Amino acid sequence: MSSRGDRARPDFLFESSWEVCNKVGGIYTVLSSKARTLYQQYGDRMIFIGPDLGRPCPDFVADPSLFPEWTAHVRTHETLRLKTGRWNVAGRPPVVLVDFKPCFPERNALFFEIWEAFGVDSSVACDDYDESCIFAYAAALTVQSFYRFHRLENRRVIAHFDEWMLGMGLLYLRKHLPAVATVFTTHATTVGRSIAGNGKPLYGYMEGYDGDQMARELHVEAKHALEKQAAHRADCFTTVSDITALECTRLLNSAPDTVTPNGFEPDLVPSGRAYDARRSRARETLLRVAGKLLGAPVDPDAFLVATSGRYEYRNKGIDVFIDAMNRLRLSDRLRRETLAFILVPAWTYAPRADLQAALEHDFPQATPMQTPFLTHWLHRMADDPVMNFIFHAGFSNLPSDRLKIFFVPCYMDGGDGIFNLPYYDLLTGMDATVFPSYYEPWGYTPLESIAFGVPTVTTDLAGFGAWAKSVIAAETMDEGVAVVRRTDDNYFEVTETVAGVLLALSRKGEAERAAVRKACFDLASKAGWKYFIAHYDAAYEQALAKATERNKNNL
């Protein structure tokens, strides 16, 4: 392999994830936001690989001029079905979308080979295991095909795989193309997430857990085995925070080689008059929707607070948010009218037709709508945990209530039928956000919040919260982020603290709020990819060094 300066860097870098051009979770934000920084370093030699799901993909822009000789070869000589283009995000990096369905006939042979070579027993798999593994296999075949066609034997090549879903691809390359250096990143361990999601204490009992035994108990054996082998066999194993590194060490029996925290691109945030206009529009929309549900106008100076993210009721602290809002509602110290929004996608049936009509025709209303805290009807509403807790807590959204709560159970993609604004636009209109997570390996939602100038509350069990505490005091929202101590058993203390922090913020004057907003921007600037990408550079260097040594010994 050739050398380039003092630091070994890849000549070609592939990164594969289920969330390339496929917005289904936080990893999408990781990859799409770091794309520009990587592209500035590697140009078209940095190639993302994602799934071709057989439906229109607005993030994908076809570009037949990318690697035309290789794609022509693939069409003629191989069974791979590929689309080449660019990811329609900042940087517009090259992306290959792989139709993995033609690879399904090879499933049994692949699973037997990986079991024989690495001991991964796929016979105990369930849920989405097969689909994920076959896509990972197709991604590995794509790297292998590109490598061989372009004769990259004397070049530095890295294949980076994200999460257990891509572990099968890493193991395949390790067996069939060991010259390629591999990086594996787990953003959350399968067993750790399952322990927390099943209501078991994770942190106080961490030293007592055996990952393999818990995988069997929680019926995630195959996913755990795949993740564990990928972590052990990768040339560099990384995770996103020190908190998750401890989890990996215990549950995967493998300490990560390095931590690669998640950054954010500040250029996604408008500035000056554009920011002010977006904030005004978002507030107007939020207040208007709330007013129609309530059947009464809302104070233009209302204090707007929100939580958002994946619908993991306990892990994401949705229960804490509702409980803290209820404490504020019952407090006699709340001076400003307060609207609390739960922006969490659920099993949505449809936007409310009565609410749509009221918004479209601006009907005059004198009474609240039926269920005046829900913007979209749900399937099986009686079984929904958020709705049940709202009812149980006694929320009624009466005009006399100083705090009203609203459940927005849909993806905020700009076409939800009620707000029709994307999430970042609505976020800009908030006065505060709350993400009191119990299980949160990193925590993009609080980072996004401060990036858009919205102060936030999070916990020290979130990777981002722990990072913020290393940079600022994080005791109040004065510096943009308040980090609440959270353990396995201090739920009520957390709810009290969250309510107190929000109450203090709601009482600040305009000049104080402006100072807090500036502190948000200042802190977010320290978490930009231009700083955090160095952790990936170190991971790539380590992976290349280990692969070089391995291949030297195999000569």
Protein backbone atom coordinates (compact mmCIF):
# COMPACT_ATOMS: atom_id res chain seq x y z
CA MET A 1 0.00 0.00 0.00
CA SER A 2 1.16 3.49 -0.82
CA SER A 3 1.82 6.12 1.81
CA ARG A 4 0.38 9.59 2.12
CA GLY A 5 2.09 11.88 4.59
CA ASP A 6 2.50 10.91 8.23
CA ARG A 7 -1.07 9.67 8.69
CA ALA A 8 -2.39 6.67 6.82
CA ARG A 9 -5.67 7.60 5.15
CA PRO A 10 -7.83 5.54 2.84
CA ASP A 11 -7.67 5.92 -0.92
CA PHE A 12 -11.25 4.63 -1.10
CA LEU A 13 -13.82 4.69 1.68
CA PHE A 14 -17.14 2.82 1.57
CA GLU A 15 -19.78 3.21 4.26
CA SER A 16 -22.85 0.98 4.34
CA SER A 17 -26.00 1.46 6.36
CA TRP A 18 -29.68 0.63 6.18
CA GLU A 19 -30.25 4.39 6.58
CA VAL A 20 -28.34 5.65 3.55
CA CYS A 21 -30.98 7.61 1.61
CA ASN A 22 -33.54 5.98 3.92
CA LYS A 23 -34.76 8.22 6.75
CA VAL A 24 -35.88 5.79 9.45
CA GLY A 25 -33.81 6.77 12.49
CA GLY A 26 -30.93 8.66 14.02
CA ILE A 27 -28.21 7.00 11.96
CA TYR A 28 -29.61 8.81 8.92
CA THR A 29 -28.72 12.10 10.65
CA VAL A 30 -25.24 10.83 11.51
CA LEU A 31 -24.42 9.87 7.94
CA SER A 32 -26.18 12.64 6.06
CA SER A 33 -24.75 15.38 8.29
CA LYS A 34 -21.15 14.16 8.10
CA ALA A 35 -21.34 13.56 4.34
CA ARG A 36 -20.08 17.00 3.35
CA THR A 37 -17.07 16.85 5.65
CA LEU A 38 -16.12 13.42 4.32
CA TYR A 39 -16.67 14.52 0.74
CA GLN A 40 -14.37 17.49 1.27
CA GLN A 41 -11.65 15.03 2.29
CA TYR A 42 -12.20 12.23 -0.20
CA GLY A 43 -14.32 13.51 -3.07
CA ASP A 44 -15.84 10.74 -5.18
CA ARG A 45 -13.60 8.20 -3.45
CA MET A 46 -16.04 8.28 -0.50
CA ILE A 47 -19.00 6.09 -1.51
CA PHE A 48 -22.12 5.39 0.54
CA ILE A 49 -24.02 2.13 0.00
CA GLY A 50 -27.73 1.92 0.85
CA PRO A 51 -30.74 -0.27 0.11
CA ASP A 52 -32.83 0.06 -3.03
CA LEU A 53 -36.28 -0.43 -1.54
CA GLY A 54 -38.11 -0.38 -4.87
CA ARG A 55 -39.93 2.91 -4.29
CA PRO A 56 -39.23 6.55 -5.16
CA CYS A 57 -36.39 7.95 -3.10
CA PRO A 58 -36.31 11.77 -2.95
CA ASP A 59 -32.85 11.69 -1.35
CA PHE A 60 -31.34 9.89 -4.35
CA VAL A 61 -30.35 11.76 -7.52
CA ALA A 62 -29.36 9.40 -10.34
CA ASP A 63 -25.99 10.15 -11.94
CA PRO A 64 -25.04 7.73 -14.74
CA SER A 65 -21.68 9.49 -15.13
CA LEU A 66 -20.48 7.93 -11.85
CA PHE A 67 -18.26 4.88 -12.38
CA PRO A 68 -19.76 4.08 -15.82
CA GLU A 69 -17.29 1.32 -16.77
CA TRP A 70 -17.85 -0.52 -13.50
CA THR A 71 -21.64 -0.27 -13.65
CA ALA A 72 -21.61 -1.51 -17.25
CA HIS A 73 -19.48 -4.46 -16.14
CA VAL A 74 -21.86 -5.22 -13.27
CA ARG A 75 -24.88 -5.23 -15.59
CA THR A 76 -23.19 -7.62 -17.98
CA HIS A 77 -21.26 -9.97 -15.74
CA GLU A 78 -22.77 -9.98 -12.25
CA THR A 79 -26.11 -10.59 -10.55
CA LEU A 80 -25.93 -7.33 -8.58
CA ARG A 81 -28.63 -4.79 -9.33
CA LEU A 82 -27.30 -1.31 -8.64
CA LYS A 83 -28.22 2.33 -9.05
CA THR A 84 -25.48 4.93 -8.93
CA GLY A 85 -26.11 8.56 -8.08
CA ARG A 86 -25.67 11.19 -5.42
CA TRP A 87 -27.20 11.65 -2.00
CA ASN A 88 -29.20 14.86 -2.05
CA VAL A 89 -27.65 16.26 1.12
CA ALA A 90 -24.85 18.75 1.76
CA GLY A 91 -21.78 17.56 -0.12
CA ARG A 92 -23.81 15.38 -2.54
CA PRO A 93 -21.52 12.35 -2.10
CA PRO A 94 -21.66 9.34 -4.42
CA VAL A 95 -24.13 6.67 -3.38
CA VAL A 96 -24.87 3.18 -4.63
CA LEU A 97 -28.34 1.79 -3.95
CA VAL A 98 -28.41 -2.01 -4.02
CA ASP A 99 -31.45 -4.13 -4.83
CA PHE A 100 -30.73 -6.99 -2.42
CA LYS A 101 -33.78 -9.11 -3.22
CA PRO A 102 -32.01 -11.12 -5.98
CA CYS A 103 -29.53 -12.27 -3.30
CA PHE A 104 -32.16 -14.01 -1.18
CA PRO A 105 -31.69 -17.41 -2.93
CA GLU A 106 -28.13 -17.43 -1.49
CA ARG A 107 -29.38 -16.93 2.07
CA ASN A 108 -29.01 -20.50 3.36
CA ALA A 109 -25.53 -20.94 1.91
CA LEU A 110 -24.46 -17.58 3.30
CA PHE A 111 -25.81 -18.25 6.79
CA PHE A 112 -24.13 -21.67 6.87
CA GLU A 113 -20.82 -20.17 5.76
CA ILE A 114 -20.93 -17.44 8.41
CA TRP A 115 -21.94 -19.96 11.09
CA GLU A 116 -19.07 -22.25 10.10
CA ALA A 117 -16.49 -19.43 9.98
CA PHE A 118 -17.64 -17.22 12.85
CA GLY A 119 -20.17 -19.18 14.91
CA VAL A 120 -23.16 -16.92 14.19
CA ASP A 121 -26.29 -19.09 14.51
CA SER A 122 -28.91 -17.57 12.22
CA SER A 123 -31.38 -20.40 12.85
CA VAL A 124 -32.63 -18.60 15.99
CA ALA A 125 -33.29 -15.33 14.14
CA CYS A 126 -36.60 -13.52 13.93
CA ASP A 127 -38.13 -10.17 12.92
CA ASP A 128 -36.03 -8.23 10.40
CA TYR A 129 -32.88 -10.34 10.65
CA ASP A 130 -32.96 -12.01 7.22
CA GLU A 131 -33.71 -8.84 5.27
CA SER A 132 -30.98 -6.88 7.04
CA CYS A 133 -28.39 -9.61 6.56
CA ILE A 134 -29.11 -10.06 2.88
CA PHE A 135 -28.79 -6.33 2.30
CA ALA A 136 -25.48 -6.38 4.22
CA TYR A 137 -24.31 -9.26 2.03
CA ALA A 138 -25.27 -7.34 -1.12
CA ALA A 139 -23.39 -4.29 0.19
CA ALA A 140 -20.28 -6.44 0.73
CA LEU A 141 -20.60 -7.86 -2.78
CA THR A 142 -20.74 -4.29 -4.08
CA VAL A 143 -17.47 -3.41 -2.35
CA GLN A 144 -15.90 -6.63 -3.58
CA SER A 145 -17.00 -5.98 -7.17
CA PHE A 146 -15.72 -2.39 -7.17
CA TYR A 147 -12.42 -3.46 -5.60
CA ARG A 148 -11.76 -6.20 -8.14
CA PHE A 149 -12.90 -4.27 -11.19
CA HIS A 150 -10.69 -1.27 -10.36
CA ARG A 151 -7.77 -3.48 -9.27
CA LEU A 152 -7.33 -1.84 -5.89
CA GLU A 153 -4.90 -4.42 -4.50
CA ASN A 154 -2.24 -1.75 -3.97
CA ARG A 155 -4.59 0.89 -2.62
CA ARG A 156 -5.84 1.61 0.87
CA VAL A 157 -9.50 0.61 1.02
CA ILE A 158 -11.84 0.79 4.02
CA ALA A 159 -15.33 -0.67 4.31
CA HIS A 160 -17.28 0.87 7.19
CA PHE A 161 -20.41 -0.93 8.42
CA ASP A 162 -23.01 0.58 10.79
CA GLU A 163 -24.99 -1.42 13.36
CA TRP A 164 -25.71 -5.14 13.62
CA MET A 165 -27.80 -4.91 10.45
CA LEU A 166 -24.59 -4.60 8.42
CA GLY A 167 -22.55 -7.09 10.43
CA MET A 168 -23.04 -9.88 7.91
CA GLY A 169 -21.36 -7.76 5.26
CA LEU A 170 -18.33 -7.14 7.45
CA LEU A 171 -17.91 -10.84 8.21
CA TYR A 172 -18.27 -11.74 4.54
CA LEU A 173 -15.49 -9.33 3.56
CA ARG A 174 -13.29 -10.50 6.40
CA LYS A 175 -13.49 -14.01 4.99
CA HIS A 176 -13.42 -13.30 1.25
CA LEU A 177 -11.55 -10.00 0.89
CA PRO A 178 -9.26 -9.63 3.93
CA ALA A 179 -7.14 -6.98 2.18
CA VAL A 180 -9.96 -4.49 2.79
CA ALA A 181 -9.77 -2.82 6.20
CA THR A 182 -13.06 -2.89 8.09
CA VAL A 183 -14.64 -0.51 10.60
CA PHE A 184 -17.72 -1.46 12.61
CA THR A 185 -19.78 1.10 14.51
CA THR A 186 -22.51 0.14 16.92
CA HIS A 187 -24.80 3.05 17.73
CA ALA A 188 -26.57 1.03 20.47
CA THR A 189 -26.10 -2.59 21.46
CA THR A 190 -28.94 -4.96 20.71
CA VAL A 191 -28.96 -6.41 24.23
CA GLY A 192 -28.58 -3.05 25.98
CA ARG A 193 -31.51 -1.54 24.10
CA SER A 194 -33.58 -4.65 24.78
CA ILE A 195 -32.80 -4.63 28.51
CA ALA A 196 -33.84 -1.00 28.80
CA GLY A 197 -36.84 -1.39 26.52
CA ASN A 198 -38.16 -4.28 28.61
CA GLY A 199 -38.13 -2.20 31.77
CA LYS A 200 -35.13 -3.92 33.35
CA PRO A 201 -32.48 -1.86 35.18
CA LEU A 202 -29.44 -1.48 32.94
CA TYR A 203 -26.87 0.73 34.61
CA GLY A 204 -26.85 -0.32 38.25
CA TYR A 205 -26.73 -4.00 37.23
CA MET A 206 -24.38 -3.68 34.25
CA GLU A 207 -21.56 -5.63 35.88
CA GLY A 208 -23.92 -8.50 36.65
CA TYR A 209 -25.26 -8.97 33.12
CA ASP A 210 -23.95 -11.60 30.75
CA GLY A 211 -24.62 -10.48 27.17
CA ASP A 212 -25.10 -13.96 25.73
CA GLN A 213 -27.45 -15.06 28.50
CA MET A 214 -29.52 -11.86 28.24
CA ALA A 215 -29.72 -12.24 24.45
CA ARG A 216 -31.30 -15.66 24.94
CA GLU A 217 -33.70 -14.35 27.59
CA LEU A 218 -34.79 -11.44 25.42
CA HIS A 219 -34.92 -13.52 22.19
CA VAL A 220 -32.29 -11.52 20.26
CA GLU A 221 -29.65 -14.25 20.06
CA ALA A 222 -28.92 -14.01 16.33
CA LYS A 223 -28.69 -10.21 16.25
CA HIS A 224 -26.47 -10.20 19.33
CA ALA A 225 -24.19 -12.94 17.97
CA LEU A 226 -23.80 -11.09 14.69
CA GLU A 227 -23.10 -7.79 16.42
CA LYS A 228 -20.62 -9.42 18.80
CA GLN A 229 -18.67 -11.13 16.05
CA ALA A 230 -18.58 -7.97 13.95
CA ALA A 231 -17.20 -6.07 16.95
CA HIS A 232 -14.53 -8.69 17.57
CA ARG A 233 -13.53 -9.18 13.93
CA ALA A 234 -13.50 -5.57 12.73
CA ASP A 235 -10.12 -3.96 12.22
CA CYS A 236 -11.49 -1.04 14.22
CA PHE A 237 -14.54 -1.22 16.45
CA THR A 238 -16.15 2.09 17.40
CA THR A 239 -19.17 3.39 19.24
CA VAL A 240 -20.66 6.83 19.69
CA SER A 241 -20.14 7.68 23.37
CA ASP A 242 -18.26 6.70 26.50
CA ILE A 243 -21.56 5.48 27.99
CA THR A 244 -22.10 3.02 25.16
CA ALA A 245 -18.44 2.02 25.24
CA LEU A 246 -18.98 0.67 28.77
CA GLU A 247 -22.09 -1.15 27.53
CA CYS A 248 -20.14 -2.73 24.66
CA THR A 249 -17.32 -3.78 26.94
CA ARG A 250 -19.72 -5.62 29.22
CA LEU A 251 -22.36 -6.99 26.85
CA LEU A 252 -20.23 -7.66 23.76
CA ASN A 253 -17.04 -8.54 25.67
CA SER A 254 -15.22 -6.10 23.43
CA ALA A 255 -14.04 -2.62 24.39
CA PRO A 256 -14.33 -0.24 21.43
CA ASP A 257 -11.02 0.80 19.92
CA THR A 258 -12.16 4.42 19.83
CA VAL A 259 -15.24 6.56 20.41
CA THR A 260 -16.62 8.46 17.42
CA PRO A 261 -19.15 11.01 18.72
CA ASN A 262 -21.85 12.35 16.43
CA GLY A 263 -21.48 15.88 15.11
CA PHE A 264 -23.82 18.23 13.30
CA GLU A 265 -23.59 20.60 10.34
CA PRO A 266 -24.31 24.19 11.45
CA ASP A 267 -24.99 25.20 7.85
CA LEU A 268 -28.37 23.46 8.12
CA VAL A 269 -29.48 26.30 10.39
CA PRO A 270 -30.60 29.61 8.83
CA SER A 271 -29.27 32.85 10.25
CA GLY A 272 -30.34 36.46 10.60
CA ARG A 273 -33.67 37.40 9.07
CA ALA A 274 -34.16 33.94 7.58
CA TYR A 275 -33.99 32.43 11.07
CA ASP A 276 -36.38 35.00 12.49
CA ALA A 277 -38.84 34.41 9.64
CA ARG A 278 -38.74 30.64 10.10
CA ARG A 279 -39.26 30.99 13.85
CA SER A 280 -42.20 33.34 13.38
CA ARG A 281 -43.85 31.06 10.85
CA ALA A 282 -43.37 27.99 13.06
CA ARG A 283 -44.83 29.72 16.12
CA GLU A 284 -47.79 31.00 14.15
CA THR A 285 -48.49 27.49 12.84
CA LEU A 286 -48.15 25.84 16.24
CA LEU A 287 -50.38 28.40 17.94
CA ARG A 288 -52.99 28.21 15.20
CA VAL A 289 -53.26 24.41 15.34
CA ALA A 290 -53.42 24.52 19.14
CA GLY A 291 -56.11 27.20 19.03
CA LYS A 292 -58.31 25.15 16.72
CA LEU A 293 -58.04 22.09 18.96
CA LEU A 294 -58.76 24.16 22.05
CA GLY A 295 -61.58 26.16 20.51
CA ALA A 296 -60.00 29.37 21.79
CA PRO A 297 -57.12 31.62 20.80
CA VAL A 298 -53.74 31.09 22.42
CA ASP A 299 -51.57 33.80 23.97
CA PRO A 300 -49.08 34.90 21.27
CA ASP A 301 -46.39 34.93 23.98
CA ALA A 302 -47.13 31.35 25.05
CA PHE A 303 -44.16 29.26 26.17
CA LEU A 304 -43.72 26.39 23.70
CA VAL A 305 -41.93 23.23 24.79
CA ALA A 306 -41.55 19.89 23.00
CA THR A 307 -40.09 16.43 23.06
CA SER A 308 -39.53 14.29 19.97
CA GLY A 309 -37.77 11.24 18.61
CA ARG A 310 -38.47 7.54 18.29
CA TYR A 311 -41.50 6.10 20.10
CA GLU A 312 -39.60 4.37 22.89
CA TYR A 313 -41.84 5.30 25.78
CA ARG A 314 -39.42 4.63 28.63
CA ASN A 315 -36.06 4.72 26.87
CA LYS A 316 -36.62 8.21 25.45
CA GLY A 317 -38.22 9.51 28.64
CA ILE A 318 -41.62 10.26 27.12
CA ASP A 319 -43.17 9.19 30.43
CA VAL A 320 -40.96 11.68 32.29
CA PHE A 321 -41.92 14.46 29.88
CA ILE A 322 -45.67 13.96 30.39
CA ASP A 323 -45.24 13.70 34.16
CA ALA A 324 -43.10 16.86 34.30
CA MET A 325 -45.67 18.74 32.22
CA ASN A 326 -48.37 17.61 34.60
CA ARG A 327 -46.41 18.94 37.55
CA LEU A 328 -46.13 22.29 35.80
CA ARG A 329 -49.84 22.23 34.99
CA LEU A 330 -50.68 21.75 38.65
CA SER A 331 -48.18 24.33 39.84
CA ASP A 332 -49.38 27.76 40.91
CA ARG A 333 -46.02 29.26 39.89
CA LEU A 334 -46.47 29.02 36.11
CA ARG A 335 -47.03 32.57 34.87
CA ARG A 336 -47.05 32.11 31.08
CA GLU A 337 -49.52 30.00 29.16
CA THR A 338 -47.57 26.92 28.16
CA LEU A 339 -48.10 24.50 25.27
CA ALA A 340 -46.33 21.14 25.44
CA PHE A 341 -45.93 19.12 22.21
CA ILE A 342 -45.08 15.43 21.92
CA LEU A 343 -43.72 15.08 18.37
CA VAL A 344 -43.34 11.28 18.28
CA PRO A 345 -44.45 9.10 15.35
CA ALA A 346 -46.99 6.44 16.37
CA TRP A 347 -49.42 4.13 14.55
CA THR A 348 -51.24 6.96 12.82
CA TYR A 349 -54.51 6.30 11.02
CA ALA A 350 -55.06 9.72 9.39
CA PRO A 351 -54.93 13.46 10.03
CA ARG A 352 -58.05 14.65 11.80
CA ALA A 353 -60.57 15.73 9.15
CA ASP A 354 -62.31 18.11 11.56
CA LEU A 355 -59.01 19.79 12.38
CA GLN A 356 -58.05 20.00 8.71
CA ALA A 357 -61.36 21.63 7.86
CA ALA A 358 -61.06 24.13 10.72
CA LEU A 359 -57.58 25.10 9.57
CA GLU A 360 -58.51 25.31 5.91
CA HIS A 361 -61.74 27.31 6.31
CA ASP A 362 -60.87 29.08 9.57
CA PHE A 363 -64.18 28.15 11.13
CA PRO A 364 -65.05 30.17 14.25
CA GLN A 365 -65.08 27.92 17.30
CA ALA A 366 -66.36 28.42 20.80
CA THR A 367 -65.72 24.96 22.26
CA PRO A 368 -62.81 22.50 22.23
CA MET A 369 -62.74 19.69 19.72
CA GLN A 370 -63.24 16.10 20.78
CA THR A 371 -59.96 14.80 22.28
CA PRO A 372 -58.40 18.27 22.14
CA PHE A 373 -54.82 17.09 22.51
CA LEU A 374 -54.52 14.85 19.44
CA THR A 375 -53.73 16.05 15.91
CA HIS A 376 -54.00 12.72 14.06
CA TRP A 377 -56.26 9.76 14.77
CA LEU A 378 -54.52 6.57 15.85
CA HIS A 379 -55.11 2.89 15.29
CA ARG A 380 -55.97 1.20 18.59
CA MET A 381 -55.92 4.49 20.44
CA ALA A 382 -57.02 2.84 23.69
CA ASP A 383 -53.75 0.87 23.74
CA ASP A 384 -51.46 3.84 23.07
CA PRO A 385 -49.16 4.52 26.09
CA VAL A 386 -48.96 8.28 25.50
CA MET A 387 -52.71 8.70 25.24
CA ASN A 388 -53.25 6.51 28.29
CA PHE A 389 -50.85 8.54 30.42
CA ILE A 390 -52.35 11.85 29.23
CA PHE A 391 -55.79 10.62 30.32
CA HIS A 392 -54.44 9.09 33.54
CA ALA A 393 -52.65 12.30 34.51
CA GLY A 394 -55.89 14.21 34.18
CA PHE A 395 -55.10 16.54 31.28
CA SER A 396 -58.22 18.08 29.77
CA ASN A 397 -56.85 21.20 28.02
CA LEU A 398 -59.46 23.43 29.63
CA PRO A 399 -59.22 27.20 29.04
CA SER A 400 -58.35 27.62 32.71
CA ASP A 401 -55.35 25.29 32.46
CA ARG A 402 -52.05 27.20 32.32
CA LEU A 403 -50.49 24.26 30.49
CA LYS A 404 -52.02 22.34 27.61
CA ILE A 405 -50.53 19.21 26.08
CA PHE A 406 -50.67 17.99 22.45
CA PHE A 407 -49.73 14.65 20.91
CA VAL A 408 -48.52 14.89 17.29
CA PRO A 409 -48.09 11.20 16.38
CA CYS A 410 -46.69 11.52 12.85
CA TYR A 411 -43.46 12.03 10.94
CA MET A 412 -42.82 15.74 10.54
CA ASP A 413 -41.77 15.55 6.89
CA GLY A 414 -43.64 18.63 5.67
CA GLY A 415 -46.66 16.69 4.45
CA ASP A 416 -48.39 15.47 7.60
CA GLY A 417 -51.73 17.09 6.69
CA ILE A 418 -51.94 19.38 9.73
CA PHE A 419 -48.75 21.39 10.27
CA ASN A 420 -47.21 20.69 6.85
CA LEU A 421 -43.82 21.89 8.02
CA PRO A 422 -40.69 19.72 8.37
CA TYR A 423 -39.37 18.95 11.83
CA TYR A 424 -36.49 21.42 11.79
CA ASP A 425 -38.87 24.24 10.87
CA LEU A 426 -41.22 23.43 13.76
CA LEU A 427 -38.26 22.97 16.11
CA THR A 428 -37.16 26.54 15.39
CA GLY A 429 -40.44 27.82 16.82
CA MET A 430 -39.98 26.19 20.24
CA ASP A 431 -38.83 27.95 23.39
CA ALA A 432 -37.43 24.77 24.93
CA THR A 433 -37.14 21.03 24.40
CA VAL A 434 -36.92 18.13 26.84
CA PHE A 435 -35.23 14.77 26.17
CA PRO A 436 -35.03 13.04 29.56
CA SER A 437 -33.73 9.76 28.16
CA TYR A 438 -33.06 6.62 30.15
CA TYR A 439 -31.32 4.88 27.23
CA GLU A 440 -29.67 7.17 24.69
CA PRO A 441 -26.25 6.17 23.31
CA TRP A 442 -25.75 9.63 21.80
CA GLY A 443 -28.84 11.84 21.48
CA TYR A 444 -29.18 13.83 18.28
CA THR A 445 -32.43 15.48 19.32
CA PRO A 446 -30.88 17.71 22.04
CA LEU A 447 -27.93 18.52 19.77
CA GLU A 448 -30.28 19.47 16.95
CA SER A 449 -32.24 21.59 19.39
CA ILE A 450 -29.34 23.78 20.47
CA ALA A 451 -28.10 23.95 16.88
CA PHE A 452 -31.40 25.67 16.08
CA GLY A 453 -31.10 27.98 19.08
CA VAL A 454 -33.58 26.14 21.30
CA PRO A 455 -32.38 25.39 24.87
CA THR A 456 -32.82 21.81 25.96
CA VAL A 457 -32.95 19.50 28.95
CA THR A 458 -31.36 16.06 28.66
CA THR A 459 -29.78 13.54 31.04
CA ASP A 460 -26.32 12.28 31.90
CA LEU A 461 -27.34 8.85 30.55
CA ALA A 462 -27.34 10.35 27.04
CA GLY A 463 -24.00 10.47 25.27
CA PHE A 464 -24.62 14.05 24.22
CA GLY A 465 -25.54 15.00 27.79
CA ALA A 466 -22.29 13.55 29.10
CA TRP A 467 -20.37 15.43 26.39
CA ALA A 468 -22.13 18.70 27.23
CA LYS A 469 -21.17 18.30 30.90
CA SER A 470 -17.54 18.01 29.84
CA VAL A 471 -17.77 21.37 28.06
CA ILE A 472 -20.10 23.49 30.25
CA ALA A 473 -21.52 23.44 33.76
CA ALA A 474 -24.91 22.24 32.40
CA GLU A 475 -26.72 22.81 35.69
CA THR A 476 -29.28 25.26 34.32
CA MET A 477 -30.34 26.28 30.83
CA ASP A 478 -28.26 29.47 30.98
CA GLU A 479 -25.59 27.83 28.79
CA GLY A 480 -28.11 26.21 26.45
CA VAL A 481 -28.26 22.73 27.98
CA ALA A 482 -29.35 21.49 31.39
CA VAL A 483 -28.14 17.95 32.11
CA VAL A 484 -30.19 16.09 34.72
CA ARG A 485 -28.71 13.24 36.70
CA ARG A 486 -30.62 10.03 35.94
CA THR A 487 -30.25 6.54 37.40
CA ASP A 488 -32.22 3.32 37.36
CA ASP A 489 -34.46 4.47 40.20
CA ASN A 490 -34.68 8.30 40.49
CA TYR A 491 -37.64 8.83 38.14
CA PHE A 492 -39.48 11.23 40.44
CA GLU A 493 -36.38 13.29 41.11
CA VAL A 494 -35.87 13.65 37.35
CA THR A 495 -39.45 14.81 36.75
CA GLU A 496 -39.20 17.39 39.53
CA THR A 497 -35.89 18.70 38.19
CA VAL A 498 -37.17 18.93 34.60
CA ALA A 499 -40.24 20.85 35.75
CA GLY A 500 -38.10 23.22 37.80
CA VAL A 501 -35.67 23.94 34.98
CA LEU A 502 -38.51 24.73 32.57
CA LEU A 503 -40.27 26.91 35.11
CA ALA A 504 -37.10 28.97 35.59
CA LEU A 505 -36.64 29.36 31.83
CA SER A 506 -40.26 30.37 31.27
CA ARG A 507 -39.81 33.25 33.72
CA LYS A 508 -36.83 34.79 31.94
CA GLY A 509 -37.22 38.10 30.16
CA GLU A 510 -36.58 38.66 26.46
CA ALA A 511 -32.96 39.78 26.94
CA GLU A 512 -32.21 36.73 29.08
CA ARG A 513 -33.84 34.42 26.55
CA ALA A 514 -31.74 35.98 23.78
CA ALA A 515 -28.60 35.30 25.82
CA VAL A 516 -29.63 31.68 26.30
CA ARG A 517 -30.29 31.32 22.57
CA LYS A 518 -26.80 32.65 21.81
CA ALA A 519 -25.34 30.16 24.30
CA CYS A 520 -27.13 27.39 22.39
CA PHE A 521 -25.49 28.40 19.12
CA ASP A 522 -22.09 28.72 20.79
CA LEU A 523 -22.25 25.25 22.32
CA ALA A 524 -23.56 23.64 19.13
CA SER A 525 -20.65 25.10 17.19
CA LYS A 526 -18.29 23.05 19.36
CA ALA A 527 -20.03 19.85 18.22
CA GLY A 528 -19.55 20.46 14.51
CA TRP A 529 -18.25 17.71 12.25
CA LYS A 530 -15.16 19.77 11.52
CA TYR A 531 -14.09 18.89 15.08
CA PHE A 532 -15.56 15.41 15.52
CA ILE A 533 -14.40 14.01 12.17
CA ALA A 534 -10.91 13.65 13.69
CA HIS A 535 -12.20 10.67 15.67
CA TYR A 536 -13.07 8.95 12.39
CA ASP A 537 -9.65 9.78 10.98
CA ALA A 538 -8.12 7.98 13.95
CA ALA A 539 -10.42 4.99 13.43
CA TYR A 540 -9.50 4.75 9.76
CA GLU A 541 -5.80 4.96 10.56
CA GLN A 542 -6.08 2.16 13.09
CA ALA A 543 -8.11 -0.03 10.75
CA LEU A 544 -5.60 0.38 7.94
CA ALA A 545 -2.68 -0.39 10.24
CA LYS A 546 -4.31 -3.56 11.53
CA ALA A 547 -5.31 -4.74 8.06
CA THR A 548 -1.81 -4.08 6.75
CA GLU A 549 -0.28 -6.12 9.55
CA ARG A 550 -2.78 -8.95 9.06
CA ASN A 551 -2.20 -9.16 5.33
CA LYS A 552 1.57 -8.97 5.78
CA ASN A 553 1.43 -11.98 8.09
CA ASN A 554 -0.72 -13.87 5.60
CA LEU A 555 1.74 -13.49 2.74
